[in-house]
Amino acid sequence: MPITLTPRAAEEIKRIVEEQRQAGALNDEPVYLRLSVKGGGCSGFQHKLDLDTCYNEKTDELMEQHGVRIVVDRKSLLYVDGATIDFINELNRRGFSVQNPNARTTCGCGSSFSM
């Protein structure tokens, strides 16, 4: 499988989706975690994680892990094949993290990477 989602990340995604549903921001339609790569940051590329209700079987790859459906557009998949999405909950840091084995370098703050 090209993308790995840790159980910790899956639980946090499920929590966020449920919170969004209760707030009325999401209805009962399927929700996907979308991983993409965008140009930006001081090293050239940035990982982007979004909740999405759209999946296009012509342009997206779909996978499911720990009850979470993940979609990656095929162009981004070239950059993130083998990546791991995790959730960090530490005293000084809380949020999602993408470990990408294809990144050659990362910037000092860790928000962007180069290939």
PDB file of N, CA and C in Angstrom:
ATOM      1  N   MET A   1       0.844  -1.184   0.000  1.00  0.00           N
ATOM      2  CA  MET A   1       0.000   0.000   0.000  1.00  0.00           C
ATOM      3  C   MET A   1       0.888   1.245   0.000  1.00  0.00           C
ATOM      4  N   PRO A   2       0.607   2.185  -0.864  1.00  0.00           N
ATOM      5  CA  PRO A   2       1.513   3.322  -1.010  1.00  0.00           C
ATOM      6  C   PRO A   2       1.515   4.294   0.170  1.00  0.00           C
ATOM      7  N   ILE A   3       0.424   4.414   0.911  1.00  0.00           N
ATOM      8  CA  ILE A   3       0.349   5.339   2.037  1.00  0.00           C
ATOM      9  C   ILE A   3       0.001   4.539   3.288  1.00  0.00           C
ATOM     10  N   THR A   4       0.685   4.845   4.400  1.00  0.00           N
ATOM     11  CA  THR A   4       0.386   4.204   5.673  1.00  0.00           C
ATOM     12  C   THR A   4      -0.228   5.238   6.603  1.00  0.00           C
ATOM     13  N   LEU A   5      -1.327   4.875   7.223  1.00  0.00           N
ATOM     14  CA  LEU A   5      -1.989   5.717   8.213  1.00  0.00           C
ATOM     15  C   LEU A   5      -1.860   5.019   9.558  1.00  0.00           C
ATOM     16  N   THR A   6      -1.283   5.694  10.534  1.00  0.00           N
ATOM     17  CA  THR A   6      -1.134   5.069  11.847  1.00  0.00           C
ATOM     18  C   THR A   6      -2.489   5.010  12.553  1.00  0.00           C
ATOM     19  N   PRO A   7      -2.662   4.059  13.461  1.00  0.00           N
ATOM     20  CA  PRO A   7      -3.913   4.000  14.225  1.00  0.00           C
ATOM     21  C   PRO A   7      -4.202   5.300  14.979  1.00  0.00           C
ATOM     22  N   ARG A   8      -3.155   5.926  15.493  1.00  0.00           N
ATOM     23  CA  ARG A   8      -3.315   7.194  16.225  1.00  0.00           C
ATOM     24  C   ARG A   8      -3.874   8.286  15.310  1.00  0.00           C
ATOM     25  N   ALA A   9      -3.366   8.362  14.072  1.00  0.00           N
ATOM     26  CA  ALA A   9      -3.869   9.342  13.103  1.00  0.00           C
ATOM     27  C   ALA A   9      -5.305   9.019  12.712  1.00  0.00           C
ATOM     28  N   ALA A  10      -5.605   7.746  12.525  1.00  0.00           N
ATOM     29  CA  ALA A  10      -6.963   7.340  12.145  1.00  0.00           C
ATOM     30  C   ALA A  10      -7.968   7.738  13.222  1.00  0.00           C
ATOM     31  N   GLU A  11      -7.626   7.526  14.473  1.00  0.00           N
ATOM     32  CA  GLU A  11      -8.536   7.887  15.566  1.00  0.00           C
ATOM     33  C   GLU A  11      -8.782   9.391  15.605  1.00  0.00           C
ATOM     34  N   GLU A  12      -7.747  10.181  15.373  1.00  0.00           N
ATOM     35  CA  GLU A  12      -7.919  11.636  15.383  1.00  0.00           C
ATOM     36  C   GLU A  12      -8.762  12.096  14.197  1.00  0.00           C
ATOM     37  N   ILE A  13      -8.580  11.493  13.044  1.00  0.00           N
ATOM     38  CA  ILE A  13      -9.392  11.840  11.875  1.00  0.00           C
ATOM     39  C   ILE A  13     -10.854  11.505  12.138  1.00  0.00           C
ATOM     40  N   LYS A  14     -11.113  10.333  12.698  1.00  0.00           N
ATOM     41  CA  LYS A  14     -12.491   9.952  13.022  1.00  0.00           C
ATOM     42  C   LYS A  14     -13.108  10.927  14.024  1.00  0.00           C
ATOM     43  N   ARG A  15     -12.315  11.356  14.992  1.00  0.00           N
ATOM     44  CA  ARG A  15     -12.805  12.313  15.990  1.00  0.00           C
ATOM     45  C   ARG A  15     -13.173  13.640  15.324  1.00  0.00           C
ATOM     46  N   ILE A  16     -12.317  14.119  14.426  1.00  0.00           N
ATOM     47  CA  ILE A  16     -12.570  15.385  13.730  1.00  0.00           C
ATOM     48  C   ILE A  16     -13.809  15.276  12.847  1.00  0.00           C
ATOM     49  N   VAL A  17     -13.943  14.175  12.118  1.00  0.00           N
ATOM     50  CA  VAL A  17     -15.111  13.985  11.250  1.00  0.00           C
ATOM     51  C   VAL A  17     -16.385  13.990  12.086  1.00  0.00           C
ATOM     52  N   GLU A  18     -16.384  13.279  13.202  1.00  0.00           N
ATOM     53  CA  GLU A  18     -17.569  13.240  14.066  1.00  0.00           C
ATOM     54  C   GLU A  18     -17.887  14.627  14.615  1.00  0.00           C
ATOM     55  N   GLU A  19     -16.861  15.345  15.019  1.00  0.00           N
ATOM     56  CA  GLU A  19     -17.047  16.712  15.519  1.00  0.00           C
ATOM     57  C   GLU A  19     -17.652  17.611  14.440  1.00  0.00           C
ATOM     58  N   GLN A  20     -17.156  17.473  13.205  1.00  0.00           N
ATOM     59  CA  GLN A  20     -17.674  18.269  12.086  1.00  0.00           C
ATOM     60  C   GLN A  20     -19.119  17.895  11.761  1.00  0.00           C
ATOM     61  N   ARG A  21     -19.439  16.626  11.842  1.00  0.00           N
ATOM     62  CA  ARG A  21     -20.821  16.180  11.598  1.00  0.00           C
ATOM     63  C   ARG A  21     -21.762  16.754  12.661  1.00  0.00           C
ATOM     64  N   GLN A  22     -21.362  16.693  13.912  1.00  0.00           N
ATOM     65  CA  GLN A  22     -22.199  17.216  14.990  1.00  0.00           C
ATOM     66  C   GLN A  22     -22.398  18.721  14.876  1.00  0.00           C
ATOM     67  N   ALA A  23     -21.403  19.414  14.343  1.00  0.00           N
ATOM     68  CA  ALA A  23     -21.501  20.865  14.167  1.00  0.00           C
ATOM     69  C   ALA A  23     -22.290  21.230  12.912  1.00  0.00           C
ATOM     70  N   GLY A  24     -22.635  20.227  12.095  1.00  0.00           N
ATOM     71  CA  GLY A  24     -23.395  20.482  10.876  1.00  0.00           C
ATOM     72  C   GLY A  24     -22.547  20.851   9.679  1.00  0.00           C
ATOM     73  N   ALA A  25     -21.223  20.805   9.827  1.00  0.00           N
ATOM     74  CA  ALA A  25     -20.333  21.147   8.715  1.00  0.00           C
ATOM     75  C   ALA A  25     -20.226  20.012   7.702  1.00  0.00           C
ATOM     76  N   LEU A  26     -20.521  18.793   8.120  1.00  0.00           N
ATOM     77  CA  LEU A  26     -20.515  17.627   7.239  1.00  0.00           C
ATOM     78  C   LEU A  26     -21.830  16.888   7.413  1.00  0.00           C
ATOM     79  N   ASN A  27     -22.361  16.369   6.301  1.00  0.00           N
ATOM     80  CA  ASN A  27     -23.562  15.540   6.415  1.00  0.00           C
ATOM     81  C   ASN A  27     -23.145  14.069   6.434  1.00  0.00           C
ATOM     82  N   ASP A  28     -24.045  13.171   6.106  1.00  0.00           N
ATOM     83  CA  ASP A  28     -23.752  11.740   6.201  1.00  0.00           C
ATOM     84  C   ASP A  28     -23.072  11.158   4.970  1.00  0.00           C
ATOM     85  N   GLU A  29     -22.689  12.012   4.006  1.00  0.00           N
ATOM     86  CA  GLU A  29     -22.016  11.491   2.819  1.00  0.00           C
ATOM     87  C   GLU A  29     -20.613  11.003   3.193  1.00  0.00           C
ATOM     88  N   PRO A  30     -20.016  10.149   2.355  1.00  0.00           N
ATOM     89  CA  PRO A  30     -18.669   9.653   2.658  1.00  0.00           C
ATOM     90  C   PRO A  30     -17.657  10.800   2.767  1.00  0.00           C
ATOM     91  N   VAL A  31     -16.737  10.650   3.701  1.00  0.00           N
ATOM     92  CA  VAL A  31     -15.684  11.643   3.900  1.00  0.00           C
ATOM     93  C   VAL A  31     -14.350  10.952   3.682  1.00  0.00           C
ATOM     94  N   TYR A  32     -13.473  11.626   2.962  1.00  0.00           N
ATOM     95  CA  TYR A  32     -12.155  11.095   2.641  1.00  0.00           C
ATOM     96  C   TYR A  32     -11.088  11.999   3.243  1.00  0.00           C
ATOM     97  N   LEU A  33      -9.971  11.399   3.637  1.00  0.00           N
ATOM     98  CA  LEU A  33      -8.785  12.174   3.977  1.00  0.00           C
ATOM     99  C   LEU A  33      -8.000  12.330   2.685  1.00  0.00           C
ATOM    100  N   ARG A  34      -7.838  13.567   2.233  1.00  0.00           N
ATOM    101  CA  ARG A  34      -7.116  13.816   0.986  1.00  0.00           C
ATOM    102  C   ARG A  34      -5.695  14.268   1.310  1.00  0.00           C
ATOM    103  N   LEU A  35      -4.719  13.529   0.796  1.00  0.00           N
ATOM    104  CA  LEU A  35      -3.310  13.893   0.889  1.00  0.00           C
ATOM    105  C   LEU A  35      -2.876  14.386  -0.474  1.00  0.00           C
ATOM    106  N   SER A  36      -2.287  15.574  -0.512  1.00  0.00           N
ATOM    107  CA  SER A  36      -1.797  16.110  -1.781  1.00  0.00           C
ATOM    108  C   SER A  36      -0.461  16.799  -1.551  1.00  0.00           C
ATOM    109  N   VAL A  37       0.208  17.097  -2.640  1.00  0.00           N
ATOM    110  CA  VAL A  37       1.470  17.822  -2.604  1.00  0.00           C
ATOM    111  C   VAL A  37       1.270  19.101  -3.398  1.00  0.00           C
ATOM    112  N   LYS A  38       1.639  20.217  -2.793  1.00  0.00           N
ATOM    113  CA  LYS A  38       1.518  21.527  -3.425  1.00  0.00           C
ATOM    114  C   LYS A  38       2.885  22.190  -3.448  1.00  0.00           C
ATOM    115  N   GLY A  39       3.088  23.065  -4.410  1.00  0.00           N
ATOM    116  CA  GLY A  39       4.303  23.865  -4.433  1.00  0.00           C
ATOM    117  C   GLY A  39       4.253  24.880  -3.309  1.00  0.00           C
ATOM    118  N   GLY A  40       5.388  25.092  -2.648  1.00  0.00           N
ATOM    119  CA  GLY A  40       5.417  26.099  -1.592  1.00  0.00           C
ATOM    120  C   GLY A  40       6.454  25.792  -0.543  1.00  0.00           C
ATOM    121  N   GLY A  41       6.583  26.714   0.393  1.00  0.00           N
ATOM    122  CA  GLY A  41       7.566  26.555   1.453  1.00  0.00           C
ATOM    123  C   GLY A  41       8.960  26.873   0.954  1.00  0.00           C
ATOM    124  N   CYS A  42       9.905  26.873   1.842  1.00  0.00           N
ATOM    125  CA  CYS A  42      11.263  27.251   1.451  1.00  0.00           C
ATOM    126  C   CYS A  42      12.015  26.120   0.750  1.00  0.00           C
ATOM    127  N   SER A  43      11.494  24.888   0.797  1.00  0.00           N
ATOM    128  CA  SER A  43      12.170  23.781   0.112  1.00  0.00           C
ATOM    129  C   SER A  43      11.490  23.361  -1.185  1.00  0.00           C
ATOM    130  N   GLY A  44      10.347  23.951  -1.512  1.00  0.00           N
ATOM    131  CA  GLY A  44       9.739  23.693  -2.811  1.00  0.00           C
ATOM    132  C   GLY A  44       8.400  22.992  -2.810  1.00  0.00           C
ATOM    133  N   PHE A  45       8.175  22.026  -1.901  1.00  0.00           N
ATOM    134  CA  PHE A  45       6.921  21.271  -1.869  1.00  0.00           C
ATOM    135  C   PHE A  45       6.387  21.206  -0.442  1.00  0.00           C
ATOM    136  N   GLN A  46       5.059  21.118  -0.330  1.00  0.00           N
ATOM    137  CA  GLN A  46       4.426  20.945   0.974  1.00  0.00           C
ATOM    138  C   GLN A  46       3.364  19.862   0.890  1.00  0.00           C
ATOM    139  N   HIS A  47       3.257  19.057   1.947  1.00  0.00           N
ATOM    140  CA  HIS A  47       2.165  18.091   2.063  1.00  0.00           C
ATOM    141  C   HIS A  47       0.926  18.845   2.515  1.00  0.00           C
ATOM    142  N   LYS A  48      -0.220  18.440   2.006  1.00  0.00           N
ATOM    143  CA  LYS A  48      -1.482  19.065   2.399  1.00  0.00           C
ATOM    144  C   LYS A  48      -2.465  17.959   2.757  1.00  0.00           C
ATOM    145  N   LEU A  49      -3.094  18.074   3.911  1.00  0.00           N
ATOM    146  CA  LEU A  49      -4.120  17.132   4.364  1.00  0.00           C
ATOM    147  C   LEU A  49      -5.439  17.881   4.501  1.00  0.00           C
ATOM    148  N   ASP A  50      -6.491  17.343   3.900  1.00  0.00           N
ATOM    149  CA  ASP A  50      -7.819  17.948   3.967  1.00  0.00           C
ATOM    150  C   ASP A  50      -8.861  16.856   4.116  1.00  0.00           C
ATOM    151  N   LEU A  51      -9.998  17.208   4.683  1.00  0.00           N
ATOM    152  CA  LEU A  51     -11.171  16.347   4.610  1.00  0.00           C
ATOM    153  C   LEU A  51     -11.896  16.709   3.331  1.00  0.00           C
ATOM    154  N   ASP A  52     -12.320  15.709   2.584  1.00  0.00           N
ATOM    155  CA  ASP A  52     -12.951  15.935   1.286  1.00  0.00           C
ATOM    156  C   ASP A  52     -14.155  15.009   1.154  1.00  0.00           C
ATOM    157  N   THR A  53     -15.165  15.469   0.458  1.00  0.00           N
ATOM    158  CA  THR A  53     -16.335  14.625   0.197  1.00  0.00           C
ATOM    159  C   THR A  53     -16.372  14.187  -1.260  1.00  0.00           C
ATOM    160  N   CYS A  54     -15.324  14.533  -2.015  1.00  0.00           N
ATOM    161  CA  CYS A  54     -15.269  14.178  -3.438  1.00  0.00           C
ATOM    162  C   CYS A  54     -14.158  13.166  -3.692  1.00  0.00           C
ATOM    163  N   TYR A  55     -14.464  12.210  -4.524  1.00  0.00           N
ATOM    164  CA  TYR A  55     -13.486  11.220  -4.977  1.00  0.00           C
ATOM    165  C   TYR A  55     -13.736  10.996  -6.458  1.00  0.00           C
ATOM    166  N   ASN A  56     -12.692  11.155  -7.263  1.00  0.00           N
ATOM    167  CA  ASN A  56     -12.797  10.966  -8.703  1.00  0.00           C
ATOM    168  C   ASN A  56     -11.976   9.738  -9.077  1.00  0.00           C
ATOM    169  N   GLU A  57     -12.651   8.662  -9.446  1.00  0.00           N
ATOM    170  CA  GLU A  57     -11.927   7.412  -9.728  1.00  0.00           C
ATOM    171  C   GLU A  57     -11.004   7.532 -10.932  1.00  0.00           C
ATOM    172  N   LYS A  58     -11.176   8.551 -11.773  1.00  0.00           N
ATOM    173  CA  LYS A  58     -10.292   8.735 -12.929  1.00  0.00           C
ATOM    174  C   LYS A  58      -8.972   9.393 -12.550  1.00  0.00           C
ATOM    175  N   THR A  59      -8.993  10.245 -11.521  1.00  0.00           N
ATOM    176  CA  THR A  59      -7.783  10.998 -11.185  1.00  0.00           C
ATOM    177  C   THR A  59      -7.231  10.700  -9.796  1.00  0.00           C
ATOM    178  N   ASP A  60      -7.991   9.997  -8.960  1.00  0.00           N
ATOM    179  CA  ASP A  60      -7.577   9.736  -7.580  1.00  0.00           C
ATOM    180  C   ASP A  60      -7.344   8.254  -7.330  1.00  0.00           C
ATOM    181  N   GLU A  61      -6.423   7.970  -6.433  1.00  0.00           N
ATOM    182  CA  GLU A  61      -6.238   6.625  -5.894  1.00  0.00           C
ATOM    183  C   GLU A  61      -6.951   6.585  -4.548  1.00  0.00           C
ATOM    184  N   LEU A  62      -7.685   5.520  -4.305  1.00  0.00           N
ATOM    185  CA  LEU A  62      -8.435   5.361  -3.059  1.00  0.00           C
ATOM    186  C   LEU A  62      -7.887   4.172  -2.291  1.00  0.00           C
ATOM    187  N   MET A  63      -7.674   4.361  -0.998  1.00  0.00           N
ATOM    188  CA  MET A  63      -7.252   3.269  -0.125  1.00  0.00           C
ATOM    189  C   MET A  63      -7.957   3.450   1.215  1.00  0.00           C
ATOM    190  N   GLU A  64      -8.034   2.406   1.990  1.00  0.00           N
ATOM    191  CA  GLU A  64      -8.674   2.503   3.301  1.00  0.00           C
ATOM    192  C   GLU A  64      -7.810   1.809   4.337  1.00  0.00           C
ATOM    193  N   GLN A  65      -7.617   2.493   5.462  1.00  0.00           N
ATOM    194  CA  GLN A  65      -6.866   1.919   6.575  1.00  0.00           C
ATOM    195  C   GLN A  65      -7.525   2.329   7.882  1.00  0.00           C
ATOM    196  N   HIS A  66      -7.694   1.395   8.776  1.00  0.00           N
ATOM    197  CA  HIS A  66      -8.254   1.656  10.109  1.00  0.00           C
ATOM    198  C   HIS A  66      -9.601   2.372  10.025  1.00  0.00           C
ATOM    199  N   GLY A  67     -10.383   2.064   8.986  1.00  0.00           N
ATOM    200  CA  GLY A  67     -11.702   2.667   8.843  1.00  0.00           C
ATOM    201  C   GLY A  67     -11.710   4.067   8.267  1.00  0.00           C
ATOM    202  N   VAL A  68     -10.568   4.542   7.781  1.00  0.00           N
ATOM    203  CA  VAL A  68     -10.468   5.872   7.172  1.00  0.00           C
ATOM    204  C   VAL A  68     -10.162   5.702   5.689  1.00  0.00           C
ATOM    205  N   ARG A  69     -10.967   6.349   4.851  1.00  0.00           N
ATOM    206  CA  ARG A  69     -10.727   6.331   3.407  1.00  0.00           C
ATOM    207  C   ARG A  69      -9.775   7.467   3.058  1.00  0.00           C
ATOM    208  N   ILE A  70      -8.699   7.119   2.365  1.00  0.00           N
ATOM    209  CA  ILE A  70      -7.664   8.082   1.984  1.00  0.00           C
ATOM    210  C   ILE A  70      -7.676   8.208   0.473  1.00  0.00           C
ATOM    211  N   VAL A  71      -7.654   9.443  -0.030  1.00  0.00           N
ATOM    212  CA  VAL A  71      -7.537   9.663  -1.467  1.00  0.00           C
ATOM    213  C   VAL A  71      -6.304  10.514  -1.738  1.00  0.00           C
ATOM    214  N   VAL A  72      -5.626  10.155  -2.817  1.00  0.00           N
ATOM    215  CA  VAL A  72      -4.450  10.891  -3.269  1.00  0.00           C
ATOM    216  C   VAL A  72      -4.569  11.017  -4.776  1.00  0.00           C
ATOM    217  N   ASP A  73      -4.445  12.243  -5.286  1.00  0.00           N
ATOM    218  CA  ASP A  73      -4.467  12.371  -6.741  1.00  0.00           C
ATOM    219  C   ASP A  73      -3.211  11.715  -7.304  1.00  0.00           C
ATOM    220  N   ARG A  74      -3.315  11.190  -8.494  1.00  0.00           N
ATOM    221  CA  ARG A  74      -2.223  10.379  -9.058  1.00  0.00           C
ATOM    222  C   ARG A  74      -0.925  11.165  -9.227  1.00  0.00           C
ATOM    223  N   LYS A  75      -1.024  12.458  -9.496  1.00  0.00           N
ATOM    224  CA  LYS A  75       0.189  13.271  -9.628  1.00  0.00           C
ATOM    225  C   LYS A  75       0.904  13.372  -8.274  1.00  0.00           C
ATOM    226  N   SER A  76       0.149  13.640  -7.210  1.00  0.00           N
ATOM    227  CA  SER A  76       0.755  13.725  -5.873  1.00  0.00           C
ATOM    228  C   SER A  76       1.310  12.383  -5.422  1.00  0.00           C
ATOM    229  N   LEU A  77       0.659  11.292  -5.844  1.00  0.00           N
ATOM    230  CA  LEU A  77       1.100   9.961  -5.433  1.00  0.00           C
ATOM    231  C   LEU A  77       2.542   9.690  -5.865  1.00  0.00           C
ATOM    232  N   LEU A  78       2.965  10.286  -6.961  1.00  0.00           N
ATOM    233  CA  LEU A  78       4.354  10.137  -7.404  1.00  0.00           C
ATOM    234  C   LEU A  78       5.327  10.669  -6.356  1.00  0.00           C
ATOM    235  N   TYR A  79       4.905  11.679  -5.594  1.00  0.00           N
ATOM    236  CA  TYR A  79       5.764  12.311  -4.591  1.00  0.00           C
ATOM    237  C   TYR A  79       5.628  11.700  -3.198  1.00  0.00           C
ATOM    238  N   VAL A  80       4.509  11.038  -2.919  1.00  0.00           N
ATOM    239  CA  VAL A  80       4.261  10.564  -1.550  1.00  0.00           C
ATOM    240  C   VAL A  80       4.182   9.046  -1.422  1.00  0.00           C
ATOM    241  N   ASP A  81       4.507   8.321  -2.469  1.00  0.00           N
ATOM    242  CA  ASP A  81       4.457   6.865  -2.417  1.00  0.00           C
ATOM    243  C   ASP A  81       5.322   6.363  -1.262  1.00  0.00           C
ATOM    244  N   GLY A  82       4.733   5.609  -0.364  1.00  0.00           N
ATOM    245  CA  GLY A  82       5.463   5.076   0.783  1.00  0.00           C
ATOM    246  C   GLY A  82       5.411   5.953   2.023  1.00  0.00           C
ATOM    247  N   ALA A  83       4.703   7.068   1.969  1.00  0.00           N
ATOM    248  CA  ALA A  83       4.643   7.996   3.105  1.00  0.00           C
ATOM    249  C   ALA A  83       3.790   7.432   4.239  1.00  0.00           C
ATOM    250  N   THR A  84       4.051   7.924   5.438  1.00  0.00           N
ATOM    251  CA  THR A  84       3.291   7.561   6.627  1.00  0.00           C
ATOM    252  C   THR A  84       2.675   8.817   7.227  1.00  0.00           C
ATOM    253  N   ILE A  85       1.361   8.759   7.467  1.00  0.00           N
ATOM    254  CA  ILE A  85       0.653   9.863   8.119  1.00  0.00           C
ATOM    255  C   ILE A  85       0.459   9.473   9.580  1.00  0.00           C
ATOM    256  N   ASP A  86       0.912  10.335  10.480  1.00  0.00           N
ATOM    257  CA  ASP A  86       0.811  10.072  11.910  1.00  0.00           C
ATOM    258  C   ASP A  86       0.176  11.283  12.592  1.00  0.00           C
ATOM    259  N   PHE A  87      -0.230  11.109  13.832  1.00  0.00           N
ATOM    260  CA  PHE A  87      -0.725  12.215  14.640  1.00  0.00           C
ATOM    261  C   PHE A  87       0.149  12.313  15.873  1.00  0.00           C
ATOM    262  N   ILE A  88       0.709  13.501  16.098  1.00  0.00           N
ATOM    263  CA  ILE A  88       1.599  13.754  17.225  1.00  0.00           C
ATOM    264  C   ILE A  88       0.821  14.539  18.277  1.00  0.00           C
ATOM    265  N   ASN A  89       0.887  14.094  19.516  1.00  0.00           N
ATOM    266  CA  ASN A  89       0.222  14.808  20.610  1.00  0.00           C
ATOM    267  C   ASN A  89       1.195  14.875  21.781  1.00  0.00           C
ATOM    268  N   GLU A  90       2.070  15.881  21.724  1.00  0.00           N
ATOM    269  CA  GLU A  90       3.095  16.061  22.745  1.00  0.00           C
ATOM    270  C   GLU A  90       2.913  17.414  23.418  1.00  0.00           C
ATOM    271  N   LEU A  91       3.658  17.655  24.444  1.00  0.00           N
ATOM    272  CA  LEU A  91       3.555  18.898  25.196  1.00  0.00           C
ATOM    273  C   LEU A  91       3.761  20.124  24.304  1.00  0.00           C
ATOM    274  N   ASN A  92       4.771  20.097  23.456  1.00  0.00           N
ATOM    275  CA  ASN A  92       5.107  21.260  22.631  1.00  0.00           C
ATOM    276  C   ASN A  92       4.638  21.155  21.192  1.00  0.00           C
ATOM    277  N   ARG A  93       3.985  20.069  20.837  1.00  0.00           N
ATOM    278  CA  ARG A  93       3.613  19.872  19.438  1.00  0.00           C
ATOM    279  C   ARG A  93       2.383  18.983  19.360  1.00  0.00           C
ATOM    280  N   ARG A  94       1.398  19.440  18.571  1.00  0.00           N
ATOM    281  CA  ARG A  94       0.184  18.652  18.368  1.00  0.00           C
ATOM    282  C   ARG A  94      -0.257  18.838  16.933  1.00  0.00           C
ATOM    283  N   GLY A  95      -0.408  17.750  16.208  1.00  0.00           N
ATOM    284  CA  GLY A  95      -0.882  17.847  14.834  1.00  0.00           C
ATOM    285  C   GLY A  95      -0.478  16.632  14.022  1.00  0.00           C
ATOM    286  N   PHE A  96      -0.884  16.673  12.762  1.00  0.00           N
ATOM    287  CA  PHE A  96      -0.572  15.581  11.852  1.00  0.00           C
ATOM    288  C   PHE A  96       0.830  15.759  11.293  1.00  0.00           C
ATOM    289  N   SER A  97       1.453  14.640  11.018  1.00  0.00           N
ATOM    290  CA  SER A  97       2.809  14.617  10.491  1.00  0.00           C
ATOM    291  C   SER A  97       2.849  13.649   9.316  1.00  0.00           C
ATOM    292  N   VAL A  98       3.567  14.025   8.259  1.00  0.00           N
ATOM    293  CA  VAL A  98       3.752  13.142   7.110  1.00  0.00           C
ATOM    294  C   VAL A  98       5.239  12.831   7.000  1.00  0.00           C
ATOM    295  N   GLN A  99       5.591  11.569   7.187  1.00  0.00           N
ATOM    296  CA  GLN A  99       6.963  11.120   6.973  1.00  0.00           C
ATOM    297  C   GLN A  99       7.032  10.600   5.545  1.00  0.00           C
ATOM    298  N   ASN A 100       7.836  11.267   4.727  1.00  0.00           N
ATOM    299  CA  ASN A 100       7.898  10.947   3.308  1.00  0.00           C
ATOM    300  C   ASN A 100       9.287  10.423   2.958  1.00  0.00           C
ATOM    301  N   PRO A 101       9.407   9.145   2.609  1.00  0.00           N
ATOM    302  CA  PRO A 101      10.720   8.588   2.284  1.00  0.00           C
ATOM    303  C   PRO A 101      11.303   9.139   0.985  1.00  0.00           C
ATOM    304  N   ASN A 102      10.492   9.822   0.186  1.00  0.00           N
ATOM    305  CA  ASN A 102      10.966  10.380  -1.080  1.00  0.00           C
ATOM    306  C   ASN A 102      11.583  11.762  -0.924  1.00  0.00           C
ATOM    307  N   ALA A 103      11.390  12.403   0.210  1.00  0.00           N
ATOM    308  CA  ALA A 103      11.938  13.742   0.438  1.00  0.00           C
ATOM    309  C   ALA A 103      13.443  13.636   0.663  1.00  0.00           C
ATOM    310  N   ARG A 104      14.193  14.402  -0.115  1.00  0.00           N
ATOM    311  CA  ARG A 104      15.648  14.395   0.056  1.00  0.00           C
ATOM    312  C   ARG A 104      16.077  15.343   1.166  1.00  0.00           C
ATOM    313  N   THR A 105      15.420  16.500   1.233  1.00  0.00           N
ATOM    314  CA  THR A 105      15.727  17.475   2.275  1.00  0.00           C
ATOM    315  C   THR A 105      14.425  18.090   2.770  1.00  0.00           C
ATOM    316  N   THR A 106      14.461  18.602   3.992  1.00  0.00           N
ATOM    317  CA  THR A 106      13.331  19.354   4.527  1.00  0.00           C
ATOM    318  C   THR A 106      13.858  20.697   5.004  1.00  0.00           C
ATOM    319  N   CYS A 107      12.966  21.662   5.123  1.00  0.00           N
ATOM    320  CA  CYS A 107      13.385  22.968   5.614  1.00  0.00           C
ATOM    321  C   CYS A 107      13.580  22.899   7.126  1.00  0.00           C
ATOM    322  N   GLY A 108      14.130  23.929   7.697  1.00  0.00           N
ATOM    323  CA  GLY A 108      14.423  23.950   9.124  1.00  0.00           C
ATOM    324  C   GLY A 108      13.208  23.762  10.007  1.00  0.00           C
ATOM    325  N   CYS A 109      12.067  24.320   9.601  1.00  0.00           N
ATOM    326  CA  CYS A 109      10.863  24.190  10.432  1.00  0.00           C
ATOM    327  C   CYS A 109      10.100  22.907  10.124  1.00  0.00           C
ATOM    328  N   GLY A 110      10.488  22.189   9.069  1.00  0.00           N
ATOM    329  CA  GLY A 110       9.864  20.911   8.753  1.00  0.00           C
ATOM    330  C   GLY A 110       8.561  20.992   7.992  1.00  0.00           C
ATOM    331  N   SER A 111       8.198  22.185   7.505  1.00  0.00           N
ATOM    332  CA  SER A 111       6.905  22.302   6.822  1.00  0.00           C
ATOM    333  C   SER A 111       6.989  22.083   5.317  1.00  0.00           C
ATOM    334  N   SER A 112       8.190  22.007   4.768  1.00  0.00           N
ATOM    335  CA  SER A 112       8.303  21.759   3.330  1.00  0.00           C
ATOM    336  C   SER A 112       9.472  20.819   3.060  1.00  0.00           C
ATOM    337  N   PHE A 113       9.509  20.313   1.820  1.00  0.00           N
ATOM    338  CA  PHE A 113      10.537  19.341   1.457  1.00  0.00           C
ATOM    339  C   PHE A 113      10.930  19.517   0.000  1.00  0.00           C
ATOM    340  N   SER A 114      12.057  18.910  -0.370  1.00  0.00           N
ATOM    341  CA  SER A 114      12.481  18.896  -1.773  1.00  0.00           C
ATOM    342  C   SER A 114      12.706  17.456  -2.194  1.00  0.00           C
ATOM    343  N   MET A 115      12.675  17.254  -3.499  1.00  0.00           N
ATOM    344  CA  MET A 115      12.835  15.911  -4.056  1.00  0.00           C
ATOM    345  C   MET A 115      14.174  15.803  -4.762  1.00  0.00           C
TER     346      MET A 115
END
